[in-house]
Amino acid sequence: MMDWRRFGGPRSGWGLLPGMMAAFCIAACAPSSHVLVGNARPPILPADVKVYSHPPAAFEEIAILDASSKSVFSGGGQKTTDKVVARLKGEAAKLGANGIILEGFDERQTGAIGSGVGSDSYSRNSAVGVGVGGSLGIFKTTGKASAIFVPPGVPPG
Protein backbone atom coordinates (compact mmCIF):
# COMPACT_ATOMS: atom_id res chain seq x y z
CA MET A 1 0.00 0.00 0.00
CA MET A 2 1.32 3.44 -0.93
CA ASP A 3 1.90 5.97 1.84
CA TRP A 4 0.63 9.24 0.34
CA ARG A 5 2.02 11.28 3.24
CA ARG A 6 5.47 11.02 1.77
CA PHE A 7 4.40 13.14 -1.24
CA GLY A 8 4.83 16.77 -0.34
CA GLY A 9 7.35 16.05 2.40
CA PRO A 10 10.39 18.32 2.73
CA ARG A 11 12.81 15.93 0.96
CA SER A 12 10.52 14.36 -1.62
CA GLY A 13 10.74 17.07 -4.27
CA TRP A 14 6.93 17.18 -4.36
CA GLY A 15 6.71 20.08 -1.90
CA LEU A 16 6.40 22.61 -4.76
CA LEU A 17 3.61 20.72 -6.52
CA PRO A 18 0.68 22.10 -4.47
CA GLY A 19 1.96 25.67 -4.87
CA MET A 20 2.44 25.31 -8.61
CA MET A 21 -1.01 23.75 -9.03
CA ALA A 22 -2.53 26.65 -7.08
CA ALA A 23 -0.74 29.14 -9.36
CA PHE A 24 -2.14 27.44 -12.47
CA CYS A 25 -5.64 27.35 -10.98
CA ILE A 26 -5.47 31.06 -10.15
CA ALA A 27 -4.24 31.76 -13.67
CA ALA A 28 -7.24 29.88 -15.06
CA CYS A 29 -9.77 31.99 -13.12
CA ALA A 30 -11.40 34.66 -15.21
CA PRO A 31 -13.97 36.94 -13.60
CA SER A 32 -16.65 39.04 -15.21
CA SER A 33 -18.34 42.05 -13.66
CA HIS A 34 -20.83 44.78 -14.41
CA VAL A 35 -21.89 48.25 -13.34
CA LEU A 36 -25.61 48.94 -13.68
CA VAL A 37 -26.40 52.17 -15.49
CA GLY A 38 -30.05 51.33 -16.28
CA ASN A 39 -32.74 48.90 -15.24
CA ALA A 40 -32.03 45.17 -15.22
CA ARG A 41 -34.59 42.85 -16.79
CA PRO A 42 -35.39 39.18 -16.17
CA PRO A 43 -32.46 36.89 -17.12
CA ILE A 44 -32.30 35.30 -20.57
CA LEU A 45 -30.08 32.68 -22.19
CA PRO A 46 -26.58 33.79 -23.29
CA ALA A 47 -27.32 32.34 -26.75
CA ASP A 48 -30.07 34.98 -27.12
CA VAL A 49 -27.60 37.87 -26.65
CA LYS A 50 -26.58 39.48 -29.97
CA VAL A 51 -23.13 41.03 -30.41
CA TYR A 52 -22.97 44.50 -32.02
CA SER A 53 -19.86 46.32 -33.20
CA HIS A 54 -21.92 49.52 -33.67
CA PRO A 55 -25.01 50.65 -31.74
CA PRO A 56 -28.39 49.71 -33.24
CA ALA A 57 -30.87 52.45 -34.21
CA ALA A 58 -32.68 52.28 -30.84
CA PHE A 59 -31.67 50.63 -27.56
CA GLU A 60 -31.74 51.00 -23.78
CA GLU A 61 -28.41 50.78 -21.97
CA ILE A 62 -28.48 48.42 -18.98
CA ALA A 63 -24.88 48.04 -17.78
CA ILE A 64 -21.18 48.43 -18.48
CA LEU A 65 -19.52 45.01 -18.65
CA ASP A 66 -15.98 43.80 -18.10
CA ALA A 67 -14.70 40.24 -18.58
CA SER A 68 -11.30 38.60 -18.85
CA SER A 69 -9.56 35.35 -19.58
CA LYS A 70 -6.04 34.28 -18.62
CA SER A 71 -3.82 31.94 -20.56
CA VAL A 72 -0.38 30.47 -20.04
CA PHE A 73 2.36 30.16 -22.71
CA SER A 74 1.02 32.75 -25.17
CA GLY A 75 -1.43 35.61 -25.56
CA GLY A 76 -4.22 33.19 -26.37
CA GLY A 77 -5.33 34.60 -29.74
CA GLN A 78 -8.83 34.09 -31.10
CA LYS A 79 -9.72 31.29 -28.68
CA THR A 80 -9.14 33.56 -25.68
CA THR A 81 -11.05 36.43 -27.32
CA ASP A 82 -13.98 34.07 -27.94
CA LYS A 83 -13.96 33.12 -24.23
CA VAL A 84 -14.07 36.80 -23.26
CA VAL A 85 -17.02 37.45 -25.61
CA ALA A 86 -18.83 34.40 -24.19
CA ARG A 87 -18.32 35.74 -20.66
CA LEU A 88 -19.57 39.20 -21.69
CA LYS A 89 -22.68 37.57 -23.22
CA GLY A 90 -23.20 35.51 -20.05
CA GLU A 91 -22.98 38.57 -17.83
CA ALA A 92 -25.37 40.48 -20.12
CA ALA A 93 -27.85 37.57 -20.11
CA LYS A 94 -27.94 37.59 -16.30
CA LEU A 95 -29.09 41.22 -16.51
CA GLY A 96 -31.71 40.52 -19.20
CA ALA A 97 -29.81 42.38 -21.92
CA ASN A 98 -30.44 40.98 -25.40
CA GLY A 99 -27.38 42.66 -26.91
CA ILE A 100 -23.85 43.85 -26.19
CA ILE A 101 -21.91 46.60 -27.95
CA LEU A 102 -18.24 45.67 -28.00
CA GLU A 103 -16.00 48.53 -26.89
CA GLY A 104 -12.57 46.93 -27.11
CA PHE A 105 -10.09 44.30 -26.00
CA ASP A 106 -6.76 44.52 -24.24
CA GLU A 107 -4.11 41.84 -23.99
CA ARG A 108 -1.09 41.99 -21.70
CA GLN A 109 1.30 39.79 -19.80
CA THR A 110 0.40 39.88 -16.12
CA GLY A 111 3.04 37.57 -14.69
CA ALA A 112 5.44 34.73 -15.21
CA ILE A 113 6.33 31.46 -13.56
CA GLY A 114 9.96 30.39 -13.86
CA SER A 115 12.32 27.79 -12.54
CA GLY A 116 15.93 26.79 -13.00
CA VAL A 117 18.46 24.22 -11.89
CA GLY A 118 22.22 24.20 -11.89
CA SER A 119 25.15 22.06 -10.98
CA ASP A 120 28.86 22.59 -10.63
CA SER A 121 31.94 20.47 -10.36
CA TYR A 122 35.42 21.53 -9.43
CA SER A 123 38.81 20.09 -8.80
CA ARG A 124 42.18 21.51 -7.90
CA ASN A 125 42.86 22.71 -11.44
CA SER A 126 39.42 23.41 -13.00
CA ALA A 127 35.79 24.18 -12.37
CA VAL A 128 32.71 23.56 -14.50
CA GLY A 129 29.20 24.90 -13.98
CA VAL A 130 26.03 24.04 -15.91
CA GLY A 131 22.58 25.55 -15.54
CA VAL A 132 19.25 25.56 -17.30
CA GLY A 133 16.08 27.57 -16.67
CA GLY A 134 12.67 28.19 -18.11
CA SER A 135 9.79 30.60 -17.78
CA LEU A 136 6.10 30.62 -18.72
CA GLY A 137 4.21 33.86 -19.25
CA ILE A 138 0.72 34.43 -17.88
CA PHE A 139 -1.35 36.55 -20.26
CA LYS A 140 -4.67 38.27 -19.61
CA THR A 141 -7.17 39.30 -22.29
CA THR A 142 -9.79 41.79 -21.10
CA GLY A 143 -12.91 42.87 -22.96
CA LYS A 144 -15.30 45.74 -22.33
CA ALA A 145 -18.84 46.10 -23.62
CA SER A 146 -22.16 47.81 -22.96
CA ALA A 147 -25.11 45.57 -22.14
CA ILE A 148 -28.18 46.82 -23.98
CA PHE A 149 -31.82 45.96 -24.57
CA VAL A 150 -32.94 46.31 -28.18
CA PRO A 151 -36.74 46.43 -28.62
CA PRO A 152 -38.17 43.90 -31.09
CA GLY A 153 -38.31 45.09 -34.70
CA VAL A 154 -35.43 47.59 -34.45
CA PRO A 155 -33.10 47.31 -37.47
CA PRO A 156 -29.39 46.74 -36.76
CA GLY A 157 -27.22 49.89 -36.60
C-alpha atoms as a PDB file:
ATOM      1  CA  MET A   1       0.000   0.000   0.000  1.00  0.00           C
ATOM      2  CA  MET A   2       1.319   3.436  -0.932  1.00  0.00           C
ATOM      3  CA  ASP A   3       1.896   5.970   1.838  1.00  0.00           C
ATOM      4  CA  TRP A   4       0.626   9.244   0.340  1.00  0.00           C
ATOM      5  CA  ARG A   5       2.018  11.281   3.240  1.00  0.00           C
ATOM      6  CA  ARG A   6       5.469  11.016   1.769  1.00  0.00           C
ATOM      7  CA  PHE A   7       4.400  13.141  -1.236  1.00  0.00           C
ATOM      8  CA  GLY A   8       4.834  16.770  -0.336  1.00  0.00           C
ATOM      9  CA  GLY A   9       7.354  16.052   2.399  1.00  0.00           C
ATOM     10  CA  PRO A  10      10.388  18.325   2.727  1.00  0.00           C
ATOM     11  CA  ARG A  11      12.806  15.925   0.962  1.00  0.00           C
ATOM     12  CA  SER A  12      10.523  14.360  -1.618  1.00  0.00           C
ATOM     13  CA  GLY A  13      10.742  17.073  -4.265  1.00  0.00           C
ATOM     14  CA  TRP A  14       6.933  17.178  -4.359  1.00  0.00           C
ATOM     15  CA  GLY A  15       6.707  20.083  -1.901  1.00  0.00           C
ATOM     16  CA  LEU A  16       6.402  22.612  -4.759  1.00  0.00           C
ATOM     17  CA  LEU A  17       3.611  20.718  -6.518  1.00  0.00           C
ATOM     18  CA  PRO A  18       0.681  22.103  -4.467  1.00  0.00           C
ATOM     19  CA  GLY A  19       1.957  25.666  -4.873  1.00  0.00           C
ATOM     20  CA  MET A  20       2.443  25.311  -8.613  1.00  0.00           C
ATOM     21  CA  MET A  21      -1.009  23.754  -9.035  1.00  0.00           C
ATOM     22  CA  ALA A  22      -2.534  26.646  -7.083  1.00  0.00           C
ATOM     23  CA  ALA A  23      -0.745  29.139  -9.357  1.00  0.00           C
ATOM     24  CA  PHE A  24      -2.138  27.437 -12.469  1.00  0.00           C
ATOM     25  CA  CYS A  25      -5.642  27.353 -10.976  1.00  0.00           C
ATOM     26  CA  ILE A  26      -5.470  31.058 -10.146  1.00  0.00           C
ATOM     27  CA  ALA A  27      -4.236  31.757 -13.673  1.00  0.00           C
ATOM     28  CA  ALA A  28      -7.238  29.881 -15.063  1.00  0.00           C
ATOM     29  CA  CYS A  29      -9.771  31.994 -13.124  1.00  0.00           C
ATOM     30  CA  ALA A  30     -11.399  34.665 -15.212  1.00  0.00           C
ATOM     31  CA  PRO A  31     -13.970  36.938 -13.605  1.00  0.00           C
ATOM     32  CA  SER A  32     -16.649  39.039 -15.210  1.00  0.00           C
ATOM     33  CA  SER A  33     -18.336  42.051 -13.665  1.00  0.00           C
ATOM     34  CA  HIS A  34     -20.830  44.780 -14.412  1.00  0.00           C
ATOM     35  CA  VAL A  35     -21.887  48.250 -13.339  1.00  0.00           C
ATOM     36  CA  LEU A  36     -25.614  48.937 -13.677  1.00  0.00           C
ATOM     37  CA  VAL A  37     -26.404  52.174 -15.486  1.00  0.00           C
ATOM     38  CA  GLY A  38     -30.048  51.327 -16.283  1.00  0.00           C
ATOM     39  CA  ASN A  39     -32.743  48.899 -15.236  1.00  0.00           C
ATOM     40  CA  ALA A  40     -32.025  45.168 -15.223  1.00  0.00           C
ATOM     41  CA  ARG A  41     -34.589  42.851 -16.789  1.00  0.00           C
ATOM     42  CA  PRO A  42     -35.387  39.176 -16.166  1.00  0.00           C
ATOM     43  CA  PRO A  43     -32.459  36.889 -17.116  1.00  0.00           C
ATOM     44  CA  ILE A  44     -32.304  35.300 -20.574  1.00  0.00           C
ATOM     45  CA  LEU A  45     -30.082  32.679 -22.187  1.00  0.00           C
ATOM     46  CA  PRO A  46     -26.584  33.787 -23.288  1.00  0.00           C
ATOM     47  CA  ALA A  47     -27.319  32.344 -26.745  1.00  0.00           C
ATOM     48  CA  ASP A  48     -30.068  34.980 -27.123  1.00  0.00           C
ATOM     49  CA  VAL A  49     -27.599  37.873 -26.651  1.00  0.00           C
ATOM     50  CA  LYS A  50     -26.576  39.477 -29.973  1.00  0.00           C
ATOM     51  CA  VAL A  51     -23.126  41.026 -30.415  1.00  0.00           C
ATOM     52  CA  TYR A  52     -22.972  44.501 -32.018  1.00  0.00           C
ATOM     53  CA  SER A  53     -19.859  46.319 -33.205  1.00  0.00           C
ATOM     54  CA  HIS A  54     -21.920  49.519 -33.668  1.00  0.00           C
ATOM     55  CA  PRO A  55     -25.013  50.647 -31.743  1.00  0.00           C
ATOM     56  CA  PRO A  56     -28.393  49.713 -33.243  1.00  0.00           C
ATOM     57  CA  ALA A  57     -30.873  52.452 -34.209  1.00  0.00           C
ATOM     58  CA  ALA A  58     -32.679  52.281 -30.838  1.00  0.00           C
ATOM     59  CA  PHE A  59     -31.671  50.633 -27.557  1.00  0.00           C
ATOM     60  CA  GLU A  60     -31.741  50.996 -23.784  1.00  0.00           C
ATOM     61  CA  GLU A  61     -28.407  50.775 -21.965  1.00  0.00           C
ATOM     62  CA  ILE A  62     -28.476  48.421 -18.982  1.00  0.00           C
ATOM     63  CA  ALA A  63     -24.879  48.042 -17.778  1.00  0.00           C
ATOM     64  CA  ILE A  64     -21.181  48.426 -18.482  1.00  0.00           C
ATOM     65  CA  LEU A  65     -19.518  45.011 -18.650  1.00  0.00           C
ATOM     66  CA  ASP A  66     -15.977  43.803 -18.096  1.00  0.00           C
ATOM     67  CA  ALA A  67     -14.703  40.242 -18.581  1.00  0.00           C
ATOM     68  CA  SER A  68     -11.304  38.599 -18.851  1.00  0.00           C
ATOM     69  CA  SER A  69      -9.561  35.347 -19.576  1.00  0.00           C
ATOM     70  CA  LYS A  70      -6.041  34.285 -18.622  1.00  0.00           C
ATOM     71  CA  SER A  71      -3.824  31.937 -20.559  1.00  0.00           C
ATOM     72  CA  VAL A  72      -0.381  30.468 -20.040  1.00  0.00           C
ATOM     73  CA  PHE A  73       2.364  30.157 -22.705  1.00  0.00           C
ATOM     74  CA  SER A  74       1.016  32.746 -25.173  1.00  0.00           C
ATOM     75  CA  GLY A  75      -1.429  35.614 -25.557  1.00  0.00           C
ATOM     76  CA  GLY A  76      -4.220  33.191 -26.373  1.00  0.00           C
ATOM     77  CA  GLY A  77      -5.328  34.596 -29.739  1.00  0.00           C
ATOM     78  CA  GLN A  78      -8.830  34.088 -31.104  1.00  0.00           C
ATOM     79  CA  LYS A  79      -9.721  31.288 -28.677  1.00  0.00           C
ATOM     80  CA  THR A  80      -9.137  33.556 -25.678  1.00  0.00           C
ATOM     81  CA  THR A  81     -11.046  36.429 -27.320  1.00  0.00           C
ATOM     82  CA  ASP A  82     -13.980  34.065 -27.942  1.00  0.00           C
ATOM     83  CA  LYS A  83     -13.955  33.120 -24.230  1.00  0.00           C
ATOM     84  CA  VAL A  84     -14.067  36.796 -23.259  1.00  0.00           C
ATOM     85  CA  VAL A  85     -17.015  37.450 -25.611  1.00  0.00           C
ATOM     86  CA  ALA A  86     -18.833  34.400 -24.192  1.00  0.00           C
ATOM     87  CA  ARG A  87     -18.315  35.742 -20.657  1.00  0.00           C
ATOM     88  CA  LEU A  88     -19.573  39.196 -21.693  1.00  0.00           C
ATOM     89  CA  LYS A  89     -22.677  37.571 -23.222  1.00  0.00           C
ATOM     90  CA  GLY A  90     -23.200  35.506 -20.054  1.00  0.00           C
ATOM     91  CA  GLU A  91     -22.984  38.568 -17.832  1.00  0.00           C
ATOM     92  CA  ALA A  92     -25.375  40.480 -20.116  1.00  0.00           C
ATOM     93  CA  ALA A  93     -27.849  37.570 -20.114  1.00  0.00           C
ATOM     94  CA  LYS A  94     -27.944  37.593 -16.296  1.00  0.00           C
ATOM     95  CA  LEU A  95     -29.094  41.223 -16.514  1.00  0.00           C
ATOM     96  CA  GLY A  96     -31.708  40.522 -19.202  1.00  0.00           C
ATOM     97  CA  ALA A  97     -29.808  42.379 -21.917  1.00  0.00           C
ATOM     98  CA  ASN A  98     -30.438  40.981 -25.404  1.00  0.00           C
ATOM     99  CA  GLY A  99     -27.380  42.664 -26.908  1.00  0.00           C
ATOM    100  CA  ILE A 100     -23.852  43.853 -26.193  1.00  0.00           C
ATOM    101  CA  ILE A 101     -21.913  46.603 -27.952  1.00  0.00           C
ATOM    102  CA  LEU A 102     -18.239  45.673 -28.004  1.00  0.00           C
ATOM    103  CA  GLU A 103     -16.001  48.525 -26.892  1.00  0.00           C
ATOM    104  CA  GLY A 104     -12.575  46.928 -27.106  1.00  0.00           C
ATOM    105  CA  PHE A 105     -10.089  44.301 -26.003  1.00  0.00           C
ATOM    106  CA  ASP A 106      -6.762  44.524 -24.236  1.00  0.00           C
ATOM    107  CA  GLU A 107      -4.113  41.839 -23.989  1.00  0.00           C
ATOM    108  CA  ARG A 108      -1.089  41.990 -21.698  1.00  0.00           C
ATOM    109  CA  GLN A 109       1.298  39.790 -19.804  1.00  0.00           C
ATOM    110  CA  THR A 110       0.398  39.878 -16.121  1.00  0.00           C
ATOM    111  CA  GLY A 111       3.041  37.573 -14.686  1.00  0.00           C
ATOM    112  CA  ALA A 112       5.438  34.729 -15.209  1.00  0.00           C
ATOM    113  CA  ILE A 113       6.334  31.463 -13.564  1.00  0.00           C
ATOM    114  CA  GLY A 114       9.959  30.393 -13.856  1.00  0.00           C
ATOM    115  CA  SER A 115      12.316  27.786 -12.537  1.00  0.00           C
ATOM    116  CA  GLY A 116      15.931  26.788 -12.998  1.00  0.00           C
ATOM    117  CA  VAL A 117      18.464  24.224 -11.894  1.00  0.00           C
ATOM    118  CA  GLY A 118      22.217  24.197 -11.894  1.00  0.00           C
ATOM    119  CA  SER A 119      25.154  22.060 -10.982  1.00  0.00           C
ATOM    120  CA  ASP A 120      28.864  22.588 -10.628  1.00  0.00           C
ATOM    121  CA  SER A 121      31.943  20.467 -10.362  1.00  0.00           C
ATOM    122  CA  TYR A 122      35.418  21.526  -9.431  1.00  0.00           C
ATOM    123  CA  SER A 123      38.809  20.086  -8.797  1.00  0.00           C
ATOM    124  CA  ARG A 124      42.179  21.513  -7.904  1.00  0.00           C
ATOM    125  CA  ASN A 125      42.860  22.714 -11.442  1.00  0.00           C
ATOM    126  CA  SER A 126      39.421  23.408 -12.995  1.00  0.00           C
ATOM    127  CA  ALA A 127      35.789  24.183 -12.374  1.00  0.00           C
ATOM    128  CA  VAL A 128      32.706  23.562 -14.503  1.00  0.00           C
ATOM    129  CA  GLY A 129      29.196  24.900 -13.981  1.00  0.00           C
ATOM    130  CA  VAL A 130      26.030  24.036 -15.913  1.00  0.00           C
ATOM    131  CA  GLY A 131      22.585  25.553 -15.541  1.00  0.00           C
ATOM    132  CA  VAL A 132      19.248  25.565 -17.296  1.00  0.00           C
ATOM    133  CA  GLY A 133      16.080  27.565 -16.672  1.00  0.00           C
ATOM    134  CA  GLY A 134      12.673  28.193 -18.106  1.00  0.00           C
ATOM    135  CA  SER A 135       9.793  30.597 -17.776  1.00  0.00           C
ATOM    136  CA  LEU A 136       6.096  30.621 -18.720  1.00  0.00           C
ATOM    137  CA  GLY A 137       4.214  33.861 -19.251  1.00  0.00           C
ATOM    138  CA  ILE A 138       0.717  34.431 -17.880  1.00  0.00           C
ATOM    139  CA  PHE A 139      -1.352  36.554 -20.257  1.00  0.00           C
ATOM    140  CA  LYS A 140      -4.673  38.273 -19.606  1.00  0.00           C
ATOM    141  CA  THR A 141      -7.168  39.298 -22.290  1.00  0.00           C
ATOM    142  CA  THR A 142      -9.793  41.791 -21.098  1.00  0.00           C
ATOM    143  CA  GLY A 143     -12.914  42.868 -22.959  1.00  0.00           C
ATOM    144  CA  LYS A 144     -15.295  45.740 -22.334  1.00  0.00           C
ATOM    145  CA  ALA A 145     -18.839  46.104 -23.623  1.00  0.00           C
ATOM    146  CA  SER A 146     -22.156  47.808 -22.958  1.00  0.00           C
ATOM    147  CA  ALA A 147     -25.107  45.568 -22.137  1.00  0.00           C
ATOM    148  CA  ILE A 148     -28.179  46.821 -23.981  1.00  0.00           C
ATOM    149  CA  PHE A 149     -31.823  45.959 -24.569  1.00  0.00           C
ATOM    150  CA  VAL A 150     -32.937  46.313 -28.176  1.00  0.00           C
ATOM    151  CA  PRO A 151     -36.741  46.433 -28.623  1.00  0.00           C
ATOM    152  CA  PRO A 152     -38.171  43.897 -31.090  1.00  0.00           C
ATOM    153  CA  GLY A 153     -38.311  45.089 -34.699  1.00  0.00           C
ATOM    154  CA  VAL A 154     -35.428  47.591 -34.450  1.00  0.00           C
ATOM    155  CA  PRO A 155     -33.104  47.306 -37.466  1.00  0.00           C
ATOM    156  CA  PRO A 156     -29.392  46.741 -36.761  1.00  0.00           C
ATOM    157  CA  GLY A 157     -27.217  49.894 -36.600  1.00  0.00           C
END
